[in-house]
């Protein structure tokens, strides 16, 4: 019953957004506007306020980051090999295919589920993963997708491009600002704290509405073998490998290991689909993988929550 109480509200709210969009209660412009509010205001406010007031550890938990990102990089590499051998993909297609197998939906799905299950204690490890997630994966993806192009980018150029993109990302900026605010022990005026708290409370339900509404535009479009391969690597293989590293190699503290596994088991992030659109390859299998992994993650995340909460 406890698992149902955690999972149900998250996916029920997403389903509301999906149904409203399918029934044209939301027009595309409405979804774009709500999405801009979520990603540029509500979620950055939530992240800033939480990080500005949370108790930070005295040192960075490098083993936590290693157990997550070693697996992410390994999954990326394995999926590229599968793309080359099984599907005879080009270098650009391999780079996009790898993104679909490795990129997690940490914000729209991850934050609501881990906070519902573990409360504010789960925020710090989630913030640590989120803060470098896009940077790591978009850097790897761009290098891999461009490596055989006659106009391929140098690694330094890719790094510069990635840093410039992240600097303009309001989610990353809010995390850095919250970290600075916390490190300097700056006081939070009462009225400002109350205002930010009320605004931040809108972040997660609105994010779930955006997720559901966005999924209404994702339709299974063929290439099912490739899509199922990405889904299997993303919501099955990736969390299992992180679980092995977290609890049997690095022996992480229970909560931190749990958050690492749950983060790895999140469905394919919508940004992976945007990456496919950027390069104009593997768009159909990415759209299918996003849709399938989101719905199937109801079962896979329930399994992991049952394991950890028991």
C-alpha atoms as a PDB file:
ATOM      1  CA  UNK A   1       0.000   0.000   0.000  1.00  0.00           C
ATOM      2  CA  UNK A   2       2.875   2.384   0.794  1.00  0.00           C
ATOM      3  CA  UNK A   3       4.359   1.927  -2.700  1.00  0.00           C
ATOM      4  CA  UNK A   4       0.963   2.611  -4.278  1.00  0.00           C
ATOM      5  CA  UNK A   5       0.630   5.830  -2.247  1.00  0.00           C
ATOM      6  CA  UNK A   6       4.008   7.017  -3.536  1.00  0.00           C
ATOM      7  CA  UNK A   7       3.679   6.027  -7.182  1.00  0.00           C
ATOM      8  CA  UNK A   8      -0.014   6.656  -7.805  1.00  0.00           C
ATOM      9  CA  UNK A   9      -0.154  10.471  -7.318  1.00  0.00           C
ATOM     10  CA  UNK A  10       2.910  10.988  -9.534  1.00  0.00           C
ATOM     11  CA  UNK A  11       1.592   9.070 -12.502  1.00  0.00           C
ATOM     12  CA  UNK A  12      -2.050  10.026 -11.879  1.00  0.00           C
ATOM     13  CA  UNK A  13      -1.196  13.725 -12.204  1.00  0.00           C
ATOM     14  CA  UNK A  14       0.824  12.949 -15.341  1.00  0.00           C
ATOM     15  CA  UNK A  15      -2.184  11.059 -16.700  1.00  0.00           C
ATOM     16  CA  UNK A  16      -4.379  14.112 -16.067  1.00  0.00           C
ATOM     17  CA  UNK A  17      -1.986  16.198 -18.188  1.00  0.00           C
ATOM     18  CA  UNK A  18      -1.965  13.505 -20.881  1.00  0.00           C
ATOM     19  CA  UNK A  19      -5.778  13.286 -21.047  1.00  0.00           C
ATOM     20  CA  UNK A  20      -6.256  17.054 -21.041  1.00  0.00           C
ATOM     21  CA  UNK A  21      -3.814  17.435 -23.926  1.00  0.00           C
ATOM     22  CA  UNK A  22      -5.357  14.560 -25.879  1.00  0.00           C
ATOM     23  CA  UNK A  23      -8.823  16.088 -25.450  1.00  0.00           C
ATOM     24  CA  UNK A  24      -7.448  19.455 -26.605  1.00  0.00           C
ATOM     25  CA  UNK A  25      -8.137  21.188 -23.295  1.00  0.00           C
ATOM     26  CA  UNK A  26      -4.490  22.230 -23.624  1.00  0.00           C
ATOM     27  CA  UNK A  27      -3.386  23.677 -26.902  1.00  0.00           C
ATOM     28  CA  UNK A  28       0.281  23.351 -27.834  1.00  0.00           C
ATOM     29  CA  UNK A  29       0.891  26.999 -26.942  1.00  0.00           C
ATOM     30  CA  UNK A  30      -0.566  26.390 -23.461  1.00  0.00           C
ATOM     31  CA  UNK A  31       1.822  23.486 -22.896  1.00  0.00           C
ATOM     32  CA  UNK A  32       4.776  25.559 -24.069  1.00  0.00           C
ATOM     33  CA  UNK A  33       3.816  28.360 -21.692  1.00  0.00           C
ATOM     34  CA  UNK A  34       3.348  26.027 -18.728  1.00  0.00           C
ATOM     35  CA  UNK A  35       6.606  24.277 -19.572  1.00  0.00           C
ATOM     36  CA  UNK A  36       8.460  27.606 -19.562  1.00  0.00           C
ATOM     37  CA  UNK A  37       6.970  28.418 -16.152  1.00  0.00           C
ATOM     38  CA  UNK A  38       8.028  25.015 -14.802  1.00  0.00           C
ATOM     39  CA  UNK A  39      11.590  24.986 -16.135  1.00  0.00           C
ATOM     40  CA  UNK A  40      12.412  28.682 -15.860  1.00  0.00           C
ATOM     41  CA  UNK A  41      10.669  29.643 -12.630  1.00  0.00           C
ATOM     42  CA  UNK A  42       8.989  26.975 -10.485  1.00  0.00           C
ATOM     43  CA  UNK A  43      11.621  24.220 -10.483  1.00  0.00           C
ATOM     44  CA  UNK A  44      14.575  26.648 -10.253  1.00  0.00           C
ATOM     45  CA  UNK A  45      12.888  28.292  -7.246  1.00  0.00           C
ATOM     46  CA  UNK A  46      12.318  24.880  -5.632  1.00  0.00           C
ATOM     47  CA  UNK A  47      15.922  23.820  -6.234  1.00  0.00           C
ATOM     48  CA  UNK A  48      17.382  27.127  -5.054  1.00  0.00           C
ATOM     49  CA  UNK A  49      15.336  27.244  -1.866  1.00  0.00           C
ATOM     50  CA  UNK A  50      16.034  23.622  -1.004  1.00  0.00           C
ATOM     51  CA  UNK A  51      19.768  23.823  -1.634  1.00  0.00           C
ATOM     52  CA  UNK A  52      20.119  27.199   0.082  1.00  0.00           C
ATOM     53  CA  UNK A  53      18.686  25.852   3.332  1.00  0.00           C
ATOM     54  CA  UNK A  54      19.770  22.195   3.319  1.00  0.00           C
ATOM     55  CA  UNK A  55      22.613  20.943   5.512  1.00  0.00           C
ATOM     56  CA  UNK A  56      25.556  20.250   3.211  1.00  0.00           C
ATOM     57  CA  UNK A  57      28.059  17.452   3.905  1.00  0.00           C
ATOM     58  CA  UNK A  58      31.606  18.409   4.837  1.00  0.00           C
ATOM     59  CA  UNK A  59      32.981  16.697   1.722  1.00  0.00           C
ATOM     60  CA  UNK A  60      31.721  15.550  -1.664  1.00  0.00           C
ATOM     61  CA  UNK A  61      30.587  11.929  -1.788  1.00  0.00           C
ATOM     62  CA  UNK A  62      32.709  10.931  -4.773  1.00  0.00           C
ATOM     63  CA  UNK A  63      31.855   7.244  -4.477  1.00  0.00           C
ATOM     64  CA  UNK A  64      28.175   8.108  -4.872  1.00  0.00           C
ATOM     65  CA  UNK A  65      28.861  10.002  -8.087  1.00  0.00           C
ATOM     66  CA  UNK A  66      31.207   7.306  -9.354  1.00  0.00           C
ATOM     67  CA  UNK A  67      28.731   4.462  -8.857  1.00  0.00           C
ATOM     68  CA  UNK A  68      26.135   6.390 -10.853  1.00  0.00           C
ATOM     69  CA  UNK A  69      28.237   7.865 -13.643  1.00  0.00           C
ATOM     70  CA  UNK A  70      30.497   4.857 -14.239  1.00  0.00           C
ATOM     71  CA  UNK A  71      27.354   2.921 -15.099  1.00  0.00           C
ATOM     72  CA  UNK A  72      25.933   5.746 -17.227  1.00  0.00           C
ATOM     73  CA  UNK A  73      29.123   5.896 -19.299  1.00  0.00           C
ATOM     74  CA  UNK A  74      29.228   2.094 -19.574  1.00  0.00           C
ATOM     75  CA  UNK A  75      25.591   1.963 -20.730  1.00  0.00           C
ATOM     76  CA  UNK A  76      26.327   4.676 -23.271  1.00  0.00           C
ATOM     77  CA  UNK A  77      29.272   2.691 -24.637  1.00  0.00           C
ATOM     78  CA  UNK A  78      27.422  -0.640 -24.736  1.00  0.00           C
ATOM     79  CA  UNK A  79      24.398   0.898 -26.444  1.00  0.00           C
ATOM     80  CA  UNK A  80      26.618   2.494 -29.094  1.00  0.00           C
ATOM     81  CA  UNK A  81      28.228  -0.901 -29.740  1.00  0.00           C
ATOM     82  CA  UNK A  82      24.794  -2.498 -30.041  1.00  0.00           C
ATOM     83  CA  UNK A  83      23.712   0.279 -32.390  1.00  0.00           C
ATOM     84  CA  UNK A  84      26.729  -0.333 -34.626  1.00  0.00           C
ATOM     85  CA  UNK A  85      26.622  -4.159 -34.595  1.00  0.00           C
ATOM     86  CA  UNK A  86      22.886  -4.865 -34.374  1.00  0.00           C
ATOM     87  CA  UNK A  87      21.376  -1.922 -36.228  1.00  0.00           C
ATOM     88  CA  UNK A  88      24.344  -0.864 -38.434  1.00  0.00           C
ATOM     89  CA  UNK A  89      23.954   2.733 -37.247  1.00  0.00           C
ATOM     90  CA  UNK A  90      26.245   5.524 -38.352  1.00  0.00           C
ATOM     91  CA  UNK A  91      28.378   7.357 -35.768  1.00  0.00           C
ATOM     92  CA  UNK A  92      25.747  10.074 -35.446  1.00  0.00           C
ATOM     93  CA  UNK A  93      22.970   7.520 -34.955  1.00  0.00           C
ATOM     94  CA  UNK A  94      25.072   5.650 -32.394  1.00  0.00           C
ATOM     95  CA  UNK A  95      25.573   8.860 -30.394  1.00  0.00           C
ATOM     96  CA  UNK A  96      21.832   9.527 -30.322  1.00  0.00           C
ATOM     97  CA  UNK A  97      20.997   5.887 -29.578  1.00  0.00           C
ATOM     98  CA  UNK A  98      23.395   5.962 -26.623  1.00  0.00           C
ATOM     99  CA  UNK A  99      21.711   9.074 -25.281  1.00  0.00           C
ATOM    100  CA  UNK A 100      18.354   7.297 -25.343  1.00  0.00           C
ATOM    101  CA  UNK A 101      19.723   4.401 -23.297  1.00  0.00           C
ATOM    102  CA  UNK A 102      21.579   6.534 -20.737  1.00  0.00           C
ATOM    103  CA  UNK A 103      19.654   9.791 -20.140  1.00  0.00           C
ATOM    104  CA  UNK A 104      17.301   9.727 -17.132  1.00  0.00           C
ATOM    105  CA  UNK A 105      14.212  11.848 -16.538  1.00  0.00           C
ATOM    106  CA  UNK A 106      15.505  13.101 -13.184  1.00  0.00           C
ATOM    107  CA  UNK A 107      13.488  16.300 -12.846  1.00  0.00           C
ATOM    108  CA  UNK A 108       9.961  15.580 -14.082  1.00  0.00           C
ATOM    109  CA  UNK A 109       9.767  12.017 -12.714  1.00  0.00           C
ATOM    110  CA  UNK A 110      12.741  11.645 -10.393  1.00  0.00           C
ATOM    111  CA  UNK A 111      12.182  14.543  -8.020  1.00  0.00           C
ATOM    112  CA  UNK A 112       8.469  13.861  -7.351  1.00  0.00           C
ATOM    113  CA  UNK A 113       9.071  10.167  -6.655  1.00  0.00           C
ATOM    114  CA  UNK A 114      12.134  10.418  -4.410  1.00  0.00           C
ATOM    115  CA  UNK A 115      10.693  13.294  -2.377  1.00  0.00           C
ATOM    116  CA  UNK A 116       7.398  11.435  -1.951  1.00  0.00           C
ATOM    117  CA  UNK A 117       9.251   8.320  -0.821  1.00  0.00           C
ATOM    118  CA  UNK A 118      12.090   9.750   1.271  1.00  0.00           C
ATOM    119  CA  UNK A 119      11.276  13.401   1.935  1.00  0.00           C
ATOM    120  CA  UNK A 120      13.779  16.242   2.010  1.00  0.00           C
ATOM    121  CA  UNK A 121      16.609  13.859   2.962  1.00  0.00           C
ATOM    122  CA  UNK A 122      16.613  12.654  -0.660  1.00  0.00           C
ATOM    123  CA  UNK A 123      17.120  16.107  -2.130  1.00  0.00           C
ATOM    124  CA  UNK A 124      20.873  16.488  -1.647  1.00  0.00           C
ATOM    125  CA  UNK A 125      21.896  13.264  -3.434  1.00  0.00           C
ATOM    126  CA  UNK A 126      19.402  14.020  -6.215  1.00  0.00           C
ATOM    127  CA  UNK A 127      20.796  17.544  -6.572  1.00  0.00           C
ATOM    128  CA  UNK A 128      24.323  16.149  -6.870  1.00  0.00           C
ATOM    129  CA  UNK A 129      23.285  13.910  -9.776  1.00  0.00           C
ATOM    130  CA  UNK A 130      21.123  16.546 -11.481  1.00  0.00           C
ATOM    131  CA  UNK A 131      23.824  19.224 -11.284  1.00  0.00           C
ATOM    132  CA  UNK A 132      26.168  17.456 -13.727  1.00  0.00           C
ATOM    133  CA  UNK A 133      23.784  15.058 -15.491  1.00  0.00           C
ATOM    134  CA  UNK A 134      23.071  17.120 -18.606  1.00  0.00           C
ATOM    135  CA  UNK A 135      26.657  18.357 -18.831  1.00  0.00           C
ATOM    136  CA  UNK A 136      28.167  14.869 -18.754  1.00  0.00           C
ATOM    137  CA  UNK A 137      25.707  13.293 -21.173  1.00  0.00           C
ATOM    138  CA  UNK A 138      25.455  16.112 -23.688  1.00  0.00           C
ATOM    139  CA  UNK A 139      29.256  16.370 -23.777  1.00  0.00           C
ATOM    140  CA  UNK A 140      29.623  12.633 -24.433  1.00  0.00           C
ATOM    141  CA  UNK A 141      26.719  12.608 -26.878  1.00  0.00           C
ATOM    142  CA  UNK A 142      28.018  15.528 -28.915  1.00  0.00           C
ATOM    143  CA  UNK A 143      31.543  14.088 -29.123  1.00  0.00           C
ATOM    144  CA  UNK A 144      30.192  10.690 -30.182  1.00  0.00           C
ATOM    145  CA  UNK A 145      27.715  12.077 -32.710  1.00  0.00           C
ATOM    146  CA  UNK A 146      30.284  14.382 -34.299  1.00  0.00           C
ATOM    147  CA  UNK A 147      33.317  12.098 -34.270  1.00  0.00           C
ATOM    148  CA  UNK A 148      33.112  10.964 -37.911  1.00  0.00           C
ATOM    149  CA  UNK A 149      31.718  14.153 -39.377  1.00  0.00           C
ATOM    150  CA  UNK A 150      33.869  16.139 -41.759  1.00  0.00           C
ATOM    151  CA  UNK A 151      32.802  19.132 -39.727  1.00  0.00           C
ATOM    152  CA  UNK A 152      33.326  17.337 -36.427  1.00  0.00           C
ATOM    153  CA  UNK A 153      33.931  19.457 -33.370  1.00  0.00           C
ATOM    154  CA  UNK A 154      37.131  19.319 -31.344  1.00  0.00           C
ATOM    155  CA  UNK A 155      36.737  18.142 -27.766  1.00  0.00           C
ATOM    156  CA  UNK A 156      37.622  21.609 -26.472  1.00  0.00           C
ATOM    157  CA  UNK A 157      34.965  23.144 -28.723  1.00  0.00           C
ATOM    158  CA  UNK A 158      32.370  20.659 -27.481  1.00  0.00           C
ATOM    159  CA  UNK A 159      33.350  21.408 -23.876  1.00  0.00           C
ATOM    160  CA  UNK A 160      33.028  25.142 -24.493  1.00  0.00           C
ATOM    161  CA  UNK A 161      29.658  24.663 -26.200  1.00  0.00           C
ATOM    162  CA  UNK A 162      28.391  22.479 -23.340  1.00  0.00           C
ATOM    163  CA  UNK A 163      29.507  24.956 -20.681  1.00  0.00           C
ATOM    164  CA  UNK A 164      27.828  27.830 -22.536  1.00  0.00           C
ATOM    165  CA  UNK A 165      24.563  25.858 -22.772  1.00  0.00           C
ATOM    166  CA  UNK A 166      24.649  24.924 -19.090  1.00  0.00           C
ATOM    167  CA  UNK A 167      25.395  28.488 -18.045  1.00  0.00           C
ATOM    168  CA  UNK A 168      22.105  29.521 -19.658  1.00  0.00           C
ATOM    169  CA  UNK A 169      20.200  26.622 -18.056  1.00  0.00           C
ATOM    170  CA  UNK A 170      18.008  28.010 -15.231  1.00  0.00           C
ATOM    171  CA  UNK A 171      18.001  24.681 -13.370  1.00  0.00           C
ATOM    172  CA  UNK A 172      21.806  24.540 -13.236  1.00  0.00           C
ATOM    173  CA  UNK A 173      22.002  28.253 -12.393  1.00  0.00           C
ATOM    174  CA  UNK A 174      19.543  27.839  -9.510  1.00  0.00           C
ATOM    175  CA  UNK A 175      21.562  24.932  -8.095  1.00  0.00           C
ATOM    176  CA  UNK A 176      24.788  26.924  -8.234  1.00  0.00           C
ATOM    177  CA  UNK A 177      23.123  29.996  -6.700  1.00  0.00           C
ATOM    178  CA  UNK A 178      21.594  27.911  -3.912  1.00  0.00           C
ATOM    179  CA  UNK A 179      24.968  26.291  -3.220  1.00  0.00           C
ATOM    180  CA  UNK A 180      26.624  29.727  -3.036  1.00  0.00           C
ATOM    181  CA  UNK A 181      23.865  31.053  -0.780  1.00  0.00           C
ATOM    182  CA  UNK A 182      24.338  28.057   1.518  1.00  0.00           C
ATOM    183  CA  UNK A 183      28.139  28.214   1.539  1.00  0.00           C
ATOM    184  CA  UNK A 184      28.106  31.902   2.501  1.00  0.00           C
ATOM    185  CA  UNK A 185      25.458  31.223   5.189  1.00  0.00           C
ATOM    186  CA  UNK A 186      23.380  34.126   3.921  1.00  0.00           C
ATOM    187  CA  UNK A 187      20.160  34.694   5.882  1.00  0.00           C
ATOM    188  CA  UNK A 188      16.852  34.122   4.094  1.00  0.00           C
ATOM    189  CA  UNK A 189      14.372  36.923   4.931  1.00  0.00           C
ATOM    190  CA  UNK A 190      11.112  35.492   6.259  1.00  0.00           C
ATOM    191  CA  UNK A 191       8.835  37.044   3.647  1.00  0.00           C
ATOM    192  CA  UNK A 192      11.123  35.964   0.825  1.00  0.00           C
ATOM    193  CA  UNK A 193      11.337  32.411   2.214  1.00  0.00           C
ATOM    194  CA  UNK A 194       7.536  32.201   2.428  1.00  0.00           C
ATOM    195  CA  UNK A 195       7.098  33.502  -1.106  1.00  0.00           C
ATOM    196  CA  UNK A 196       9.678  31.087  -2.525  1.00  0.00           C
ATOM    197  CA  UNK A 197       8.129  28.218  -0.599  1.00  0.00           C
ATOM    198  CA  UNK A 198       4.655  28.884  -2.035  1.00  0.00           C
ATOM    199  CA  UNK A 199       6.058  29.240  -5.549  1.00  0.00           C
ATOM    200  CA  UNK A 200       8.183  26.108  -5.186  1.00  0.00           C
ATOM    201  CA  UNK A 201       5.134  24.085  -4.149  1.00  0.00           C
ATOM    202  CA  UNK A 202       3.761  24.589  -7.649  1.00  0.00           C
ATOM    203  CA  UNK A 203       6.857  23.049  -9.256  1.00  0.00           C
ATOM    204  CA  UNK A 204       6.244  19.318  -8.983  1.00  0.00           C
ATOM    205  CA  UNK A 205       2.493  19.133  -9.788  1.00  0.00           C
ATOM    206  CA  UNK A 206       2.940  21.507 -12.731  1.00  0.00           C
ATOM    207  CA  UNK A 207       5.978  19.512 -13.895  1.00  0.00           C
ATOM    208  CA  UNK A 208       3.913  16.331 -13.893  1.00  0.00           C
ATOM    209  CA  UNK A 209       1.142  18.015 -15.871  1.00  0.00           C
ATOM    210  CA  UNK A 210       3.769  19.130 -18.404  1.00  0.00           C
ATOM    211  CA  UNK A 211       5.179  15.605 -18.555  1.00  0.00           C
ATOM    212  CA  UNK A 212       1.782  14.061 -19.259  1.00  0.00           C
ATOM    213  CA  UNK A 213       0.823  16.716 -21.781  1.00  0.00           C
ATOM    214  CA  UNK A 214       4.166  16.321 -23.561  1.00  0.00           C
ATOM    215  CA  UNK A 215       3.765  12.548 -23.727  1.00  0.00           C
ATOM    216  CA  UNK A 216       0.515  13.028 -25.633  1.00  0.00           C
ATOM    217  CA  UNK A 217       2.665  14.131 -28.593  1.00  0.00           C
ATOM    218  CA  UNK A 218       4.873  11.032 -28.408  1.00  0.00           C
ATOM    219  CA  UNK A 219       3.409   8.195 -30.443  1.00  0.00           C
ATOM    220  CA  UNK A 220       4.902   4.753 -31.145  1.00  0.00           C
ATOM    221  CA  UNK A 221       6.404   5.242 -34.585  1.00  0.00           C
ATOM    222  CA  UNK A 222       8.020   1.958 -35.542  1.00  0.00           C
ATOM    223  CA  UNK A 223      11.623   0.862 -34.946  1.00  0.00           C
ATOM    224  CA  UNK A 224      10.325  -1.139 -31.997  1.00  0.00           C
ATOM    225  CA  UNK A 225      13.408  -3.340 -31.667  1.00  0.00           C
ATOM    226  CA  UNK A 226      15.661  -0.322 -31.250  1.00  0.00           C
ATOM    227  CA  UNK A 227      13.186   1.326 -28.866  1.00  0.00           C
ATOM    228  CA  UNK A 228      12.850  -1.790 -26.705  1.00  0.00           C
ATOM    229  CA  UNK A 229      16.641  -2.098 -26.572  1.00  0.00           C
ATOM    230  CA  UNK A 230      16.930   1.439 -25.200  1.00  0.00           C
ATOM    231  CA  UNK A 231      14.113   0.837 -22.720  1.00  0.00           C
ATOM    232  CA  UNK A 232      15.684  -2.388 -21.433  1.00  0.00           C
ATOM    233  CA  UNK A 233      19.091  -0.791 -20.989  1.00  0.00           C
ATOM    234  CA  UNK A 234      17.573   2.268 -19.340  1.00  0.00           C
ATOM    235  CA  UNK A 235      15.064   0.969 -16.797  1.00  0.00           C
ATOM    236  CA  UNK A 236      16.434  -2.546 -16.186  1.00  0.00           C
ATOM    237  CA  UNK A 237      20.173  -2.865 -16.828  1.00  0.00           C
ATOM    238  CA  UNK A 238      21.219   0.596 -15.649  1.00  0.00           C
ATOM    239  CA  UNK A 239      19.613   0.459 -12.155  1.00  0.00           C
ATOM    240  CA  UNK A 240      20.770  -3.147 -11.610  1.00  0.00           C
ATOM    241  CA  UNK A 241      24.388  -2.178 -12.324  1.00  0.00           C
ATOM    242  CA  UNK A 242      24.163   0.894 -10.086  1.00  0.00           C
ATOM    243  CA  UNK A 243      22.678  -1.300  -7.333  1.00  0.00           C
ATOM    244  CA  UNK A 244      25.636  -3.686  -7.605  1.00  0.00           C
ATOM    245  CA  UNK A 245      28.179  -0.867  -7.398  1.00  0.00           C
ATOM    246  CA  UNK A 246      26.354   1.080  -4.682  1.00  0.00           C
ATOM    247  CA  UNK A 247      25.735  -1.798  -2.275  1.00  0.00           C
ATOM    248  CA  UNK A 248      28.305  -4.453  -3.176  1.00  0.00           C
ATOM    249  CA  UNK A 249      31.358  -2.478  -4.347  1.00  0.00           C
ATOM    250  CA  UNK A 250      31.297   1.007  -2.790  1.00  0.00           C
ATOM    251  CA  UNK A 251      29.014   0.043   0.151  1.00  0.00           C
ATOM    252  CA  UNK A 252      27.267   3.417   0.176  1.00  0.00           C
ATOM    253  CA  UNK A 253      25.130   4.605   3.044  1.00  0.00           C
ATOM    254  CA  UNK A 254      21.642   3.202   2.543  1.00  0.00           C
ATOM    255  CA  UNK A 255      19.804   6.375   1.525  1.00  0.00           C
ATOM    256  CA  UNK A 256      22.503   7.511  -0.895  1.00  0.00           C
ATOM    257  CA  UNK A 257      22.693   4.108  -2.540  1.00  0.00           C
ATOM    258  CA  UNK A 258      18.913   3.995  -2.811  1.00  0.00           C
ATOM    259  CA  UNK A 259      18.741   7.392  -4.514  1.00  0.00           C
ATOM    260  CA  UNK A 260      21.497   6.389  -6.957  1.00  0.00           C
ATOM    261  CA  UNK A 261      19.562   3.262  -7.971  1.00  0.00           C
ATOM    262  CA  UNK A 262      16.229   5.064  -8.278  1.00  0.00           C
ATOM    263  CA  UNK A 263      17.809   7.838 -10.356  1.00  0.00           C
ATOM    264  CA  UNK A 264      19.320   5.226 -12.674  1.00  0.00           C
ATOM    265  CA  UNK A 265      15.925   3.533 -13.034  1.00  0.00           C
ATOM    266  CA  UNK A 266      14.052   6.632 -14.182  1.00  0.00           C
ATOM    267  CA  UNK A 267      12.543   6.528 -17.699  1.00  0.00           C
ATOM    268  CA  UNK A 268      14.229   7.976 -20.762  1.00  0.00           C
ATOM    269  CA  UNK A 269      14.405  11.753 -20.419  1.00  0.00           C
ATOM    270  CA  UNK A 270      12.622  13.957 -22.922  1.00  0.00           C
ATOM    271  CA  UNK A 271      15.927  15.790 -23.508  1.00  0.00           C
ATOM    272  CA  UNK A 272      17.209  12.628 -25.216  1.00  0.00           C
ATOM    273  CA  UNK A 273      14.417  13.043 -27.763  1.00  0.00           C
ATOM    274  CA  UNK A 274      15.396  16.698 -28.209  1.00  0.00           C
ATOM    275  CA  UNK A 275      18.962  15.523 -28.854  1.00  0.00           C
ATOM    276  CA  UNK A 276      17.661  13.205 -31.580  1.00  0.00           C
ATOM    277  CA  UNK A 277      15.749  16.089 -33.154  1.00  0.00           C
ATOM    278  CA  UNK A 278      18.892  18.213 -33.117  1.00  0.00           C
ATOM    279  CA  UNK A 279      20.781  15.627 -35.187  1.00  0.00           C
ATOM    280  CA  UNK A 280      17.703  14.500 -37.158  1.00  0.00           C
ATOM    281  CA  UNK A 281      18.404  10.797 -36.620  1.00  0.00           C
ATOM    282  CA  UNK A 282      16.712   8.034 -34.556  1.00  0.00           C
ATOM    283  CA  UNK A 283      13.748  10.317 -33.883  1.00  0.00           C
ATOM    284  CA  UNK A 284      11.111   7.566 -34.194  1.00  0.00           C
ATOM    285  CA  UNK A 285      12.793   5.033 -31.857  1.00  0.00           C
ATOM    286  CA  UNK A 286      13.537   7.794 -29.311  1.00  0.00           C
ATOM    287  CA  UNK A 287       9.896   8.923 -29.292  1.00  0.00           C
ATOM    288  CA  UNK A 288       8.779   5.328 -28.798  1.00  0.00           C
ATOM    289  CA  UNK A 289      11.378   4.729 -26.067  1.00  0.00           C
ATOM    290  CA  UNK A 290      10.343   7.836 -24.122  1.00  0.00           C
ATOM    291  CA  UNK A 291       6.690   6.784 -24.176  1.00  0.00           C
ATOM    292  CA  UNK A 292       7.273   3.105 -23.380  1.00  0.00           C
ATOM    293  CA  UNK A 293       9.827   3.693 -20.627  1.00  0.00           C
ATOM    294  CA  UNK A 294       7.627   6.261 -18.892  1.00  0.00           C
ATOM    295  CA  UNK A 295       4.649   3.919 -18.695  1.00  0.00           C
ATOM    296  CA  UNK A 296       6.721   0.822 -17.873  1.00  0.00           C
ATOM    297  CA  UNK A 297       8.644   2.642 -15.155  1.00  0.00           C
ATOM    298  CA  UNK A 298       5.481   2.474 -13.037  1.00  0.00           C
ATOM    299  CA  UNK A 299       6.261  -1.217 -12.563  1.00  0.00           C
ATOM    300  CA  UNK A 300      10.062  -1.031 -12.425  1.00  0.00           C
ATOM    301  CA  UNK A 301      10.161   1.856  -9.940  1.00  0.00           C
ATOM    302  CA  UNK A 302       7.533   0.114  -7.810  1.00  0.00           C
ATOM    303  CA  UNK A 303       9.863  -2.908  -7.664  1.00  0.00           C
ATOM    304  CA  UNK A 304      12.837  -0.836  -6.483  1.00  0.00           C
ATOM    305  CA  UNK A 305      10.745   1.106  -3.955  1.00  0.00           C
ATOM    306  CA  UNK A 306       9.357  -2.141  -2.562  1.00  0.00           C
ATOM    307  CA  UNK A 307      12.889  -3.500  -2.239  1.00  0.00           C
ATOM    308  CA  UNK A 308      14.276  -0.452  -0.447  1.00  0.00           C
ATOM    309  CA  UNK A 309      11.289   0.466   1.711  1.00  0.00           C
ATOM    310  CA  UNK A 310      10.939  -3.089   2.983  1.00  0.00           C
END
